[in-house]
Amino acid sequence: MTVEATKPRIKIAYATLRNDNEELHALYEAGVKESEAGLGKAHLNLIDGRRVDGRAGTFEARSPIDSEIILGTFAKGDRADVQRAVDAARRAAPAWRNTPWRDRLVILRRAAELISERQMKYAADMAYEVGKSRLEALGEVEEAADLIRYYASTMEDNNGYDHPMDNLGDLAVHTRTILRPHGVFAVISPFNFPMALAVGPISAALMAGNTVVYKPASVASLSGVNLIEAFVDAGVPDGAVNLVMGPGDTVGEELQANPGIDGIVFTGSFDVGFKLFKSFSTHWPRPCIVEMGGKNPAIVSRKADLEEAAEGIMRSAFGFGGQKCSANSRVYVERPVHDELVRLLVEKTEKIAVGNPIPRENWMGPVIDQKAVDRHQQAVSEARREGKVYTGGERLSDGALARGHFVEPTVVGGLPASHRLFQDELFAPFTAIQPVDSLDEALRLSNDVVYGLTAGVYSEDPDEVARFLDEIEAGVLYVNRRAGATTGAWPGVQAFGGWKGSGSTGKAGLSMYYVAQFMREQSHTVVD
């Protein structure tokens, strides 16, 4: 009997440039139909393996694409719900910790496979929920599964982080170093990568032997429900992973304050993250992994390929409406090529199709909510008053767009280099361009912010590239990258973590050092 080879699954990453695979689109359209059939349903919290109501009632979530689209109703937890979830996680911790690490990896790899199998439906849910285009949504679901796979491989590469050590010549003495779990981790994830920035820390914590209490962003709770569904269906035992949805001022605050939490992961704004970092440890230091955004520069040399630079800047500035912590929100370009770069960038920006991201023809969807619209419009107003708007700047409200949160991708310039629009993270489709007289000036201005997440450079001069790589103060660097000036990291391909005000540990996600952050080292010396 002839066995037909299994056709390889189509893989979509953030650096995918083409949008013409008809098989992919057909699969996605089927996922959209499946997603639409589930919109409006009620979703419960998960505590100790049981689906439970929230003590504070429910909340409703609507799509940023169209406020008439109800995503669903979700259990609204309170502090008591968090306390119950923490208690469940602590009860489950000894058995999960004592589960052999290879057995834990079997379960988590099964979760990765389930996420991949459900990619189309999960991606369509995400598109409706946060407004991602199909390639952005498909890429994120793929990344979520790959994060589990990659972190599992790093666990294997390090033999479960159990290594023999030397001795001083006495063969009766055996020494080793082993990394052990802390206990219970809280994970608080953002809306902009509702699966990837949740599955990364949750899976790392679990494979390290910790248990987890997870709070998704309220506007992205549907993706949180989907993620927990995959973990549960894969066989993660009751109590090892718990879901409590609800507002930050109750659920989030209790996770930060509860003494039963041994470590926490937070992704969000600098103000909230830095406050958490300074206050989380009370009786003794506890691991606090915070990722706090970026104000990411691209530097364009007079020796750059300007067409390549304009393409990379456009993709990183306006992909997912600029709502990425790695978005390219400022550009420093040497004066002799400033006007030509602006011309090329404006030309590319004005070709962006903005609208409902569910249809394949639209590349950029809405921003997440009215607050994001207001931030964008305030920035545009300042740029018009104090500089120049090269293109964009308007709110889009024709027809069905009036029921969503749509704005034009915007390129501005003519501002003082010290202007707040070169300093503040906006989380909107907005980038500011500043002419500079030298690479020295570009590097100085690039580093003159609190953040240090990503940065890119365009130059055909190897010496300029070497200076950039040596002197820029950021954790994720890109050189001459057409697929994105400052965005597009992938597990096991690019480590992703920030310096300065963008991160707290000096270790990056998507890298071989990540899982170890969820453990503590213990030395064993045993004499025969």
Protein backbone atom coordinates (compact mmCIF):
# COMPACT_ATOMS: atom_id res chain seq x y z
CA MET A 1 0.00 0.00 0.00
CA THR A 2 1.29 3.42 -0.92
CA VAL A 3 1.18 5.95 1.91
CA GLU A 4 0.63 9.49 0.72
CA ALA A 5 2.99 11.99 2.30
CA THR A 6 1.38 14.53 4.58
CA LYS A 7 1.32 17.94 2.97
CA PRO A 8 3.34 20.43 5.02
CA ARG A 9 1.31 23.05 6.83
CA ILE A 10 1.54 26.60 5.51
CA LYS A 11 3.71 28.62 7.89
CA ILE A 12 3.05 32.33 8.34
CA ALA A 13 5.52 34.55 10.23
CA TYR A 14 5.59 38.31 10.81
CA ALA A 15 8.25 38.65 8.08
CA THR A 16 5.92 37.06 5.50
CA LEU A 17 5.70 39.59 2.66
CA ARG A 18 3.34 37.87 0.25
CA ASN A 19 -0.41 37.65 0.56
CA ASP A 20 -1.24 35.56 -2.52
CA ASN A 21 -1.54 31.98 -1.28
CA GLU A 22 -5.08 31.00 -2.26
CA GLU A 23 -5.05 27.82 -0.18
CA LEU A 24 -4.18 29.87 2.89
CA HIS A 25 -7.00 32.32 2.24
CA ALA A 26 -9.52 29.52 1.75
CA LEU A 27 -8.52 27.97 5.07
CA TYR A 28 -8.73 31.33 6.79
CA GLU A 29 -12.19 32.05 5.36
CA ALA A 30 -13.37 28.76 6.84
CA GLY A 31 -11.89 29.89 10.16
CA VAL A 32 -13.79 33.17 9.88
CA LYS A 33 -17.07 31.29 9.48
CA GLU A 34 -16.27 29.16 12.49
CA SER A 35 -15.39 32.26 14.48
CA GLU A 36 -18.56 34.10 13.48
CA ALA A 37 -20.66 31.13 14.59
CA GLY A 38 -19.20 31.51 18.09
CA LEU A 39 -19.44 35.27 18.51
CA GLY A 40 -21.66 36.47 21.33
CA LYS A 41 -21.29 33.40 23.54
CA ALA A 42 -20.73 33.47 27.29
CA HIS A 43 -17.30 32.52 28.66
CA LEU A 44 -16.39 31.58 32.22
CA ASN A 45 -13.27 31.75 34.33
CA LEU A 46 -11.31 28.57 35.02
CA ILE A 47 -10.33 27.88 38.62
CA ASP A 48 -9.05 24.51 39.79
CA GLY A 49 -10.20 22.85 36.57
CA ARG A 50 -13.78 24.09 36.84
CA ARG A 51 -15.54 26.68 34.70
CA VAL A 52 -16.96 29.22 37.14
CA ASP A 53 -18.84 32.49 37.09
CA GLY A 54 -17.17 35.69 38.20
CA ARG A 55 -18.24 37.01 41.58
CA ALA A 56 -18.48 40.52 40.10
CA GLY A 57 -20.85 39.42 37.34
CA THR A 58 -20.01 39.67 33.65
CA PHE A 59 -18.68 42.15 31.15
CA GLU A 60 -19.36 42.48 27.45
CA ALA A 61 -16.69 42.90 24.79
CA ARG A 62 -17.30 44.45 21.37
CA SER A 63 -15.14 44.50 18.28
CA PRO A 64 -13.03 47.57 17.47
CA ILE A 65 -13.98 46.89 13.83
CA ASP A 66 -17.67 47.52 14.46
CA SER A 67 -19.21 48.32 17.82
CA GLU A 68 -22.32 46.40 16.82
CA ILE A 69 -20.34 43.13 16.80
CA ILE A 70 -20.54 41.54 20.25
CA LEU A 71 -17.56 39.27 20.80
CA GLY A 72 -19.09 37.69 23.87
CA THR A 73 -19.80 38.08 27.54
CA PHE A 74 -17.08 37.16 29.99
CA ALA A 75 -16.98 36.29 33.66
CA LYS A 76 -15.89 39.30 35.68
CA GLY A 77 -13.67 38.21 38.50
CA ASP A 78 -12.88 40.05 41.70
CA ARG A 79 -10.25 39.79 44.42
CA ALA A 80 -11.95 36.77 45.98
CA ASP A 81 -11.85 34.94 42.64
CA VAL A 82 -8.12 35.62 42.39
CA GLN A 83 -7.63 34.34 45.92
CA ARG A 84 -9.45 31.12 45.04
CA ALA A 85 -7.33 30.73 41.91
CA VAL A 86 -4.10 31.31 43.84
CA ASP A 87 -5.16 28.76 46.45
CA ALA A 88 -5.89 26.25 43.66
CA ALA A 89 -2.52 26.91 42.04
CA ARG A 90 -0.73 26.40 45.35
CA ARG A 91 -2.51 23.11 45.95
CA ALA A 92 -1.61 21.92 42.45
CA ALA A 93 2.01 23.07 42.68
CA PRO A 94 3.60 20.05 44.48
CA ALA A 95 2.23 17.46 42.05
CA TRP A 96 3.08 19.55 38.97
CA ARG A 97 6.55 20.34 40.31
CA ASN A 98 7.17 16.65 40.88
CA THR A 99 5.96 15.66 37.42
CA PRO A 100 9.13 14.76 35.49
CA TRP A 101 10.10 17.64 33.28
CA ARG A 102 10.01 15.50 30.15
CA ASP A 103 6.41 14.58 30.94
CA ARG A 104 5.56 18.24 31.36
CA LEU A 105 7.03 18.91 27.92
CA VAL A 106 4.89 16.18 26.35
CA ILE A 107 1.76 17.93 27.60
CA LEU A 108 2.90 21.38 26.54
CA ARG A 109 3.98 20.23 23.09
CA ARG A 110 0.50 18.76 22.72
CA ALA A 111 -0.86 22.23 23.50
CA ALA A 112 1.34 23.67 20.75
CA GLU A 113 -0.07 21.17 18.26
CA LEU A 114 -3.64 22.02 19.26
CA ILE A 115 -2.95 25.73 18.79
CA SER A 116 -1.56 25.00 15.32
CA GLU A 117 -4.54 22.79 14.44
CA ARG A 118 -6.92 25.57 15.51
CA GLN A 119 -4.89 28.34 13.93
CA MET A 120 -7.53 29.56 11.50
CA LYS A 121 -10.32 29.85 14.04
CA TYR A 122 -8.09 31.35 16.73
CA ALA A 123 -6.70 33.87 14.23
CA ALA A 124 -10.16 34.89 13.05
CA ASP A 125 -11.29 35.35 16.67
CA MET A 126 -8.23 37.54 17.21
CA ALA A 127 -8.97 39.60 14.10
CA TYR A 128 -12.46 40.36 15.32
CA GLU A 129 -11.26 40.94 18.87
CA VAL A 130 -8.33 43.33 18.37
CA GLY A 131 -8.52 44.24 14.67
CA LYS A 132 -5.49 42.39 13.27
CA SER A 133 -5.16 41.72 9.58
CA ARG A 134 -5.22 38.08 8.60
CA LEU A 135 -1.46 37.80 8.14
CA GLU A 136 -0.82 39.49 11.50
CA ALA A 137 -3.35 37.27 13.26
CA LEU A 138 -2.18 34.06 11.59
CA GLY A 139 1.42 34.99 12.37
CA GLU A 140 0.67 35.49 16.04
CA VAL A 141 -1.11 32.18 16.48
CA GLU A 142 1.81 30.49 14.71
CA GLU A 143 4.23 32.30 17.02
CA ALA A 144 2.29 31.15 20.09
CA ALA A 145 2.69 27.51 19.08
CA ASP A 146 6.34 28.00 18.13
CA LEU A 147 7.08 29.65 21.46
CA ILE A 148 6.07 26.47 23.25
CA ARG A 149 8.08 24.32 20.85
CA TYR A 150 11.18 26.47 21.11
CA TYR A 151 11.11 26.83 24.89
CA ALA A 152 10.64 23.07 25.20
CA SER A 153 13.72 22.54 23.05
CA THR A 154 15.76 24.86 25.29
CA MET A 155 14.62 22.84 28.31
CA GLU A 156 15.85 19.68 26.60
CA ASP A 157 19.10 21.29 25.51
CA ASN A 158 19.81 22.00 29.18
CA ASN A 159 18.71 18.58 30.44
CA GLY A 160 15.92 20.18 32.45
CA TYR A 161 18.47 22.67 33.81
CA ASP A 162 20.18 19.95 35.83
CA HIS A 163 23.96 19.94 35.33
CA PRO A 164 26.81 18.10 37.07
CA MET A 165 29.58 20.23 38.56
CA ASP A 166 33.26 19.57 39.29
CA ASN A 167 34.75 18.48 42.60
CA LEU A 168 38.10 19.06 44.29
CA GLY A 169 39.46 15.56 43.71
CA ASP A 170 37.42 13.53 46.20
CA LEU A 171 35.56 10.98 44.04
CA ALA A 172 33.13 10.32 46.89
CA VAL A 173 31.77 13.85 46.54
CA HIS A 174 29.13 14.46 43.86
CA THR A 175 28.00 17.97 43.02
CA ARG A 176 25.42 19.39 40.67
CA THR A 177 23.48 22.58 40.06
CA ILE A 178 19.77 22.42 39.37
CA LEU A 179 17.17 25.07 38.64
CA ARG A 180 13.98 24.63 40.66
CA PRO A 181 10.55 26.26 40.25
CA HIS A 182 9.46 29.14 42.46
CA GLY A 183 5.86 28.04 42.97
CA VAL A 184 3.00 30.12 41.55
CA PHE A 185 3.41 32.69 38.79
CA ALA A 186 0.92 35.39 37.84
CA VAL A 187 0.78 36.32 34.17
CA ILE A 188 -0.85 39.60 33.10
CA SER A 189 -0.93 39.94 29.32
CA PRO A 190 -1.72 42.87 26.98
CA PHE A 191 -4.25 43.23 24.17
CA ASN A 192 -1.83 43.69 21.30
CA PHE A 193 -0.39 40.16 21.26
CA PRO A 194 -3.16 38.40 23.20
CA MET A 195 -1.88 34.89 22.52
CA ALA A 196 1.88 35.19 22.03
CA LEU A 197 2.52 37.42 25.04
CA ALA A 198 0.42 35.10 27.19
CA VAL A 199 1.51 31.69 25.92
CA GLY A 200 5.20 32.61 26.21
CA PRO A 201 5.29 33.22 29.96
CA ILE A 202 2.55 30.70 30.78
CA SER A 203 4.29 27.85 28.94
CA ALA A 204 7.72 28.80 30.29
CA ALA A 205 6.38 28.90 33.84
CA LEU A 206 4.62 25.56 33.42
CA MET A 207 7.53 23.71 31.85
CA ALA A 208 9.75 25.03 34.64
CA GLY A 209 7.41 23.35 37.13
CA ASN A 210 5.44 26.35 38.33
CA THR A 211 1.69 26.73 38.33
CA VAL A 212 -0.05 29.80 36.90
CA VAL A 213 -2.85 32.27 37.47
CA TYR A 214 -3.51 34.19 34.25
CA LYS A 215 -5.31 37.47 33.63
CA PRO A 216 -5.75 38.54 29.99
CA ALA A 217 -6.45 42.10 28.91
CA SER A 218 -10.20 42.58 29.20
CA VAL A 219 -10.55 43.65 25.56
CA ALA A 220 -8.74 40.47 24.49
CA SER A 221 -10.37 37.93 26.79
CA LEU A 222 -11.58 35.74 23.91
CA SER A 223 -8.02 34.91 22.90
CA GLY A 224 -7.28 34.20 26.56
CA VAL A 225 -10.18 31.73 26.67
CA ASN A 226 -8.90 30.05 23.50
CA LEU A 227 -5.41 29.73 24.91
CA ILE A 228 -6.55 28.17 28.17
CA GLU A 229 -8.76 25.81 26.18
CA ALA A 230 -5.69 24.52 24.35
CA PHE A 231 -3.75 23.97 27.60
CA VAL A 232 -6.65 22.17 29.25
CA ASP A 233 -7.36 19.98 26.20
CA ALA A 234 -3.66 19.09 26.06
CA GLY A 235 -3.83 17.67 29.58
CA VAL A 236 -2.49 20.38 31.89
CA PRO A 237 -3.89 19.18 35.23
CA ASP A 238 -6.55 20.95 37.26
CA GLY A 239 -5.21 23.92 39.18
CA ALA A 240 -1.92 24.08 37.30
CA VAL A 241 -3.27 26.82 35.05
CA ASN A 242 -6.11 29.12 36.09
CA LEU A 243 -7.91 31.91 34.23
CA VAL A 244 -9.41 34.93 36.00
CA MET A 245 -10.79 37.62 33.72
CA GLY A 246 -11.72 41.07 34.94
CA PRO A 247 -10.47 44.61 35.47
CA GLY A 248 -6.95 45.58 36.38
CA ASP A 249 -7.95 47.53 39.48
CA THR A 250 -9.29 44.38 41.14
CA VAL A 251 -8.01 41.22 39.44
CA GLY A 252 -4.69 42.76 38.44
CA GLU A 253 -4.13 44.48 41.77
CA GLU A 254 -4.84 41.28 43.70
CA LEU A 255 -2.38 39.32 41.59
CA GLN A 256 0.28 41.91 42.38
CA ALA A 257 -0.48 42.01 46.11
CA ASN A 258 -1.39 38.40 46.93
CA PRO A 259 1.30 36.77 49.12
CA GLY A 260 0.62 33.42 47.47
CA ILE A 261 2.13 34.67 44.20
CA ASP A 262 5.82 33.79 43.98
CA GLY A 263 6.59 35.60 40.72
CA ILE A 264 4.87 37.78 38.17
CA VAL A 265 5.06 38.59 34.46
CA PHE A 266 3.53 41.82 33.19
CA THR A 267 3.53 43.29 29.70
CA GLY A 268 2.22 46.82 29.31
CA SER A 269 3.01 50.47 29.79
CA PHE A 270 6.19 51.83 31.37
CA ASP A 271 4.27 53.67 34.10
CA VAL A 272 2.35 50.59 35.26
CA GLY A 273 5.23 48.17 34.77
CA PHE A 274 7.82 50.25 36.58
CA LYS A 275 5.45 50.84 39.50
CA LEU A 276 4.93 47.08 39.72
CA PHE A 277 8.67 46.43 39.53
CA LYS A 278 9.35 48.81 42.43
CA SER A 279 6.55 47.52 44.65
CA PHE A 280 6.19 43.79 43.98
CA SER A 281 8.82 42.51 46.41
CA THR A 282 7.91 43.04 50.05
CA HIS A 283 9.26 40.41 52.51
CA TRP A 284 12.04 39.27 50.12
CA PRO A 285 12.89 39.69 46.43
CA ARG A 286 10.52 37.90 44.07
CA PRO A 287 10.96 37.51 40.31
CA CYS A 288 9.22 40.35 38.49
CA ILE A 289 9.51 40.13 34.70
CA VAL A 290 8.13 43.28 33.11
CA GLU A 291 8.18 44.30 29.45
CA MET A 292 7.28 47.96 29.18
CA GLY A 293 7.16 49.04 25.57
CA GLY A 294 9.39 51.09 23.35
CA LYS A 295 9.96 54.24 21.33
CA ASN A 296 11.82 52.52 18.58
CA PRO A 297 14.04 54.41 16.11
CA ALA A 298 15.10 53.68 12.58
CA ILE A 299 18.27 55.38 11.37
CA VAL A 300 18.63 56.00 7.63
CA SER A 301 22.11 56.83 6.38
CA ARG A 302 22.88 58.79 3.24
CA LYS A 303 24.42 55.47 2.14
CA ALA A 304 21.15 53.56 2.48
CA ASP A 305 18.96 51.89 -0.12
CA LEU A 306 16.10 54.36 0.36
CA GLU A 307 13.41 52.22 -1.24
CA GLU A 308 14.27 49.35 1.09
CA ALA A 309 14.32 51.73 4.06
CA ALA A 310 10.94 53.24 3.21
CA GLU A 311 9.38 49.79 2.87
CA GLY A 312 10.79 48.58 6.18
CA ILE A 313 9.75 51.75 8.00
CA MET A 314 6.23 51.63 6.58
CA ARG A 315 5.78 48.01 7.65
CA SER A 316 7.05 48.56 11.18
CA ALA A 317 5.34 51.90 11.71
CA PHE A 318 1.89 50.85 10.53
CA GLY A 319 1.66 47.06 10.89
CA PHE A 320 -1.26 46.39 13.26
CA GLY A 321 -1.83 50.12 13.39
CA GLY A 322 1.42 50.84 15.20
CA GLN A 323 0.10 48.99 18.26
CA LYS A 324 3.27 47.00 18.85
CA CYS A 325 5.81 47.69 21.56
CA SER A 326 8.37 47.32 18.75
CA ALA A 327 6.65 49.74 16.33
CA ASN A 328 8.89 52.15 14.42
CA SER A 329 7.55 55.43 15.76
CA ARG A 330 10.53 57.71 14.98
CA VAL A 331 13.00 57.99 12.13
CA TYR A 332 16.35 59.80 11.98
CA VAL A 333 17.53 60.33 8.42
CA GLU A 334 20.65 62.09 7.18
CA ARG A 335 19.73 65.44 5.69
CA PRO A 336 20.94 64.86 2.09
CA VAL A 337 18.43 62.01 1.63
CA HIS A 338 15.65 63.30 3.91
CA ASP A 339 13.33 64.61 1.23
CA GLU A 340 13.61 61.53 -0.95
CA LEU A 341 12.96 59.20 1.98
CA VAL A 342 9.90 61.23 2.96
CA ARG A 343 8.64 61.09 -0.62
CA LEU A 344 9.03 57.31 -0.79
CA LEU A 345 7.51 56.75 2.65
CA VAL A 346 4.52 58.97 1.90
CA GLU A 347 4.00 57.18 -1.40
CA LYS A 348 3.97 53.78 0.30
CA THR A 349 1.83 54.96 3.20
CA GLU A 350 -0.84 56.37 0.92
CA LYS A 351 -1.18 52.97 -0.75
CA ILE A 352 -2.10 51.23 2.52
CA ALA A 353 -5.62 49.83 2.42
CA VAL A 354 -7.29 50.71 5.72
CA GLY A 355 -10.57 49.12 6.73
CA ASN A 356 -12.23 46.04 8.14
CA PRO A 357 -9.31 43.60 8.47
CA ILE A 358 -11.44 40.49 7.93
CA PRO A 359 -11.46 40.88 4.10
CA ARG A 360 -8.08 40.07 2.59
CA GLU A 361 -7.71 43.35 0.73
CA ASN A 362 -7.29 45.50 3.85
CA TRP A 363 -3.77 45.66 5.28
CA MET A 364 -4.47 47.86 8.33
CA GLY A 365 -7.47 47.63 10.58
CA PRO A 366 -8.73 49.74 13.49
CA VAL A 367 -6.96 50.83 16.63
CA ILE A 368 -8.18 49.13 19.76
CA ASP A 369 -10.52 51.71 21.30
CA GLN A 370 -11.59 55.34 21.51
CA LYS A 371 -8.68 56.19 23.80
CA ALA A 372 -6.29 55.08 21.06
CA VAL A 373 -8.17 57.24 18.54
CA ASP A 374 -7.88 60.18 20.91
CA ARG A 375 -4.13 59.64 21.39
CA HIS A 376 -3.65 59.56 17.64
CA GLN A 377 -5.72 62.68 17.07
CA GLN A 378 -3.95 64.57 19.85
CA ALA A 379 -0.57 63.70 18.33
CA VAL A 380 -1.76 64.82 14.90
CA SER A 381 -3.00 68.10 16.35
CA GLU A 382 0.38 68.77 17.95
CA ALA A 383 2.21 67.90 14.74
CA ARG A 384 0.02 70.24 12.69
CA ARG A 385 0.50 73.06 15.16
CA GLU A 386 4.24 72.67 15.73
CA GLY A 387 5.48 70.86 12.62
CA LYS A 388 4.06 69.30 9.48
CA VAL A 389 1.84 66.36 8.60
CA TYR A 390 3.25 64.77 5.44
CA THR A 391 0.35 62.37 5.02
CA GLY A 392 -2.60 60.96 6.95
CA GLY A 393 -3.85 62.30 10.24
CA GLU A 394 -7.60 61.90 9.81
CA ARG A 395 -10.13 59.77 11.57
CA LEU A 396 -11.94 57.54 9.08
CA SER A 397 -15.70 57.49 9.51
CA ASP A 398 -17.29 56.79 6.14
CA GLY A 399 -20.02 54.16 6.10
CA ALA A 400 -19.41 51.17 8.34
CA LEU A 401 -16.06 52.60 9.46
CA ALA A 402 -18.02 55.05 11.61
CA ARG A 403 -18.88 52.20 13.96
CA GLY A 404 -15.21 51.30 14.47
CA HIS A 405 -11.99 52.93 15.58
CA PHE A 406 -10.27 53.73 12.29
CA VAL A 407 -7.60 56.37 11.70
CA GLU A 408 -5.21 57.09 8.86
CA PRO A 409 -1.57 56.01 9.05
CA THR A 410 0.32 59.23 9.67
CA VAL A 411 3.80 60.53 8.85
CA VAL A 412 4.91 63.83 10.40
CA GLY A 413 8.03 65.97 10.57
CA GLY A 414 9.34 69.48 11.08
CA LEU A 415 9.25 69.11 14.86
CA PRO A 416 11.99 69.94 17.38
CA ALA A 417 14.12 66.88 18.09
CA SER A 418 13.17 67.20 21.76
CA HIS A 419 9.42 67.12 21.07
CA ARG A 420 7.39 64.64 23.08
CA LEU A 421 6.34 62.89 19.86
CA PHE A 422 9.93 61.62 19.69
CA GLN A 423 9.77 60.53 23.35
CA ASP A 424 6.33 59.16 24.24
CA GLU A 425 4.99 55.78 23.20
CA LEU A 426 1.71 56.42 21.35
CA PHE A 427 0.55 52.92 20.34
CA ALA A 428 -1.00 54.32 17.16
CA PRO A 429 -0.19 54.40 13.42
CA PHE A 430 2.03 57.45 13.71
CA THR A 431 5.71 58.01 12.97
CA ALA A 432 7.81 61.17 13.18
CA ILE A 433 10.81 61.93 10.94
CA GLN A 434 13.77 64.08 11.94
CA PRO A 435 16.67 65.13 9.66
CA VAL A 436 20.15 64.78 11.16
CA ASP A 437 23.58 65.89 10.06
CA SER A 438 25.48 62.72 10.95
CA LEU A 439 25.32 59.19 12.26
CA ASP A 440 26.67 60.57 15.55
CA GLU A 441 23.62 62.78 15.92
CA ALA A 442 21.26 59.97 14.95
CA LEU A 443 22.72 57.63 17.55
CA ARG A 444 22.64 60.30 20.25
CA LEU A 445 18.98 61.12 19.59
CA SER A 446 18.04 57.45 19.30
CA ASN A 447 19.51 56.72 22.73
CA ASP A 448 18.06 59.82 24.40
CA VAL A 449 14.85 58.15 25.63
CA VAL A 450 13.86 56.04 28.62
CA TYR A 451 13.12 53.06 26.38
CA GLY A 452 15.47 50.58 24.72
CA LEU A 453 13.49 47.84 23.03
CA THR A 454 14.17 47.69 19.27
CA ALA A 455 16.04 49.75 16.69
CA GLY A 456 16.91 49.53 13.01
CA VAL A 457 19.47 50.99 10.64
CA TYR A 458 19.70 51.29 6.86
CA SER A 459 23.19 51.72 5.46
CA GLU A 460 25.35 50.04 2.85
CA ASP A 461 28.49 51.04 4.77
CA PRO A 462 29.80 48.18 6.98
CA ASP A 463 31.56 50.63 9.30
CA GLU A 464 28.31 52.53 9.92
CA VAL A 465 26.49 49.28 10.59
CA ALA A 466 29.20 48.20 13.04
CA ARG A 467 28.92 51.51 14.92
CA PHE A 468 25.16 51.15 15.13
CA LEU A 469 25.39 47.62 16.50
CA ASP A 470 28.01 48.70 19.03
CA GLU A 471 26.49 51.97 20.26
CA ILE A 472 22.70 51.74 20.05
CA GLU A 473 21.00 51.18 23.43
CA ALA A 474 18.34 48.62 22.60
CA GLY A 475 17.87 44.90 22.98
CA VAL A 476 16.65 43.96 19.49
CA LEU A 477 18.49 45.28 16.44
CA TYR A 478 17.78 45.03 12.71
CA VAL A 479 20.00 46.01 9.79
CA ASN A 480 18.71 46.74 6.28
CA ARG A 481 15.55 44.75 6.89
CA ARG A 482 12.88 45.20 4.25
CA ALA A 483 10.35 43.09 6.15
CA GLY A 484 10.35 45.57 9.04
CA ALA A 485 12.72 48.22 10.35
CA THR A 486 12.08 47.43 14.02
CA THR A 487 9.51 44.61 14.16
CA GLY A 488 9.12 40.93 13.41
CA ALA A 489 11.03 38.80 15.95
CA TRP A 490 10.43 35.03 15.94
CA PRO A 491 11.10 32.31 18.56
CA GLY A 492 14.57 30.88 18.21
CA VAL A 493 15.39 33.32 15.41
CA GLN A 494 15.52 36.71 17.13
CA ALA A 495 15.66 37.11 20.90
CA PHE A 496 13.17 39.80 21.97
CA GLY A 497 13.79 41.80 25.12
CA GLY A 498 14.40 45.38 26.12
CA TRP A 499 17.09 47.44 27.77
CA LYS A 500 16.60 50.43 30.06
CA GLY A 501 12.91 51.21 30.59
CA SER A 502 11.75 48.49 28.21
CA GLY A 503 12.56 45.46 30.36
CA SER A 504 13.58 44.37 33.82
CA THR A 505 15.79 41.28 33.64
CA GLY A 506 18.35 41.71 30.88
CA LYS A 507 17.16 38.37 29.47
CA ALA A 508 14.97 38.22 26.39
CA GLY A 509 11.90 36.30 25.38
CA LEU A 510 12.08 34.06 22.30
CA SER A 511 15.60 33.05 23.39
CA MET A 512 17.43 30.24 25.13
CA TYR A 513 17.64 32.20 28.39
CA TYR A 514 13.93 32.78 28.90
CA VAL A 515 12.72 29.65 30.71
CA ALA A 516 15.52 29.88 33.28
CA GLN A 517 13.98 33.13 34.58
CA PHE A 518 11.10 31.10 36.00
CA MET A 519 13.42 29.05 38.23
CA ARG A 520 15.95 29.52 41.02
CA GLU A 521 19.28 27.80 41.32
CA GLN A 522 20.09 25.19 43.93
CA SER A 523 23.47 23.53 44.50
CA HIS A 524 23.62 19.90 45.64
CA THR A 525 26.72 18.39 47.27
CA VAL A 526 26.26 14.72 48.15
CA VAL A 527 28.93 12.57 49.83
CA ASP A 528 28.82 8.80 49.40
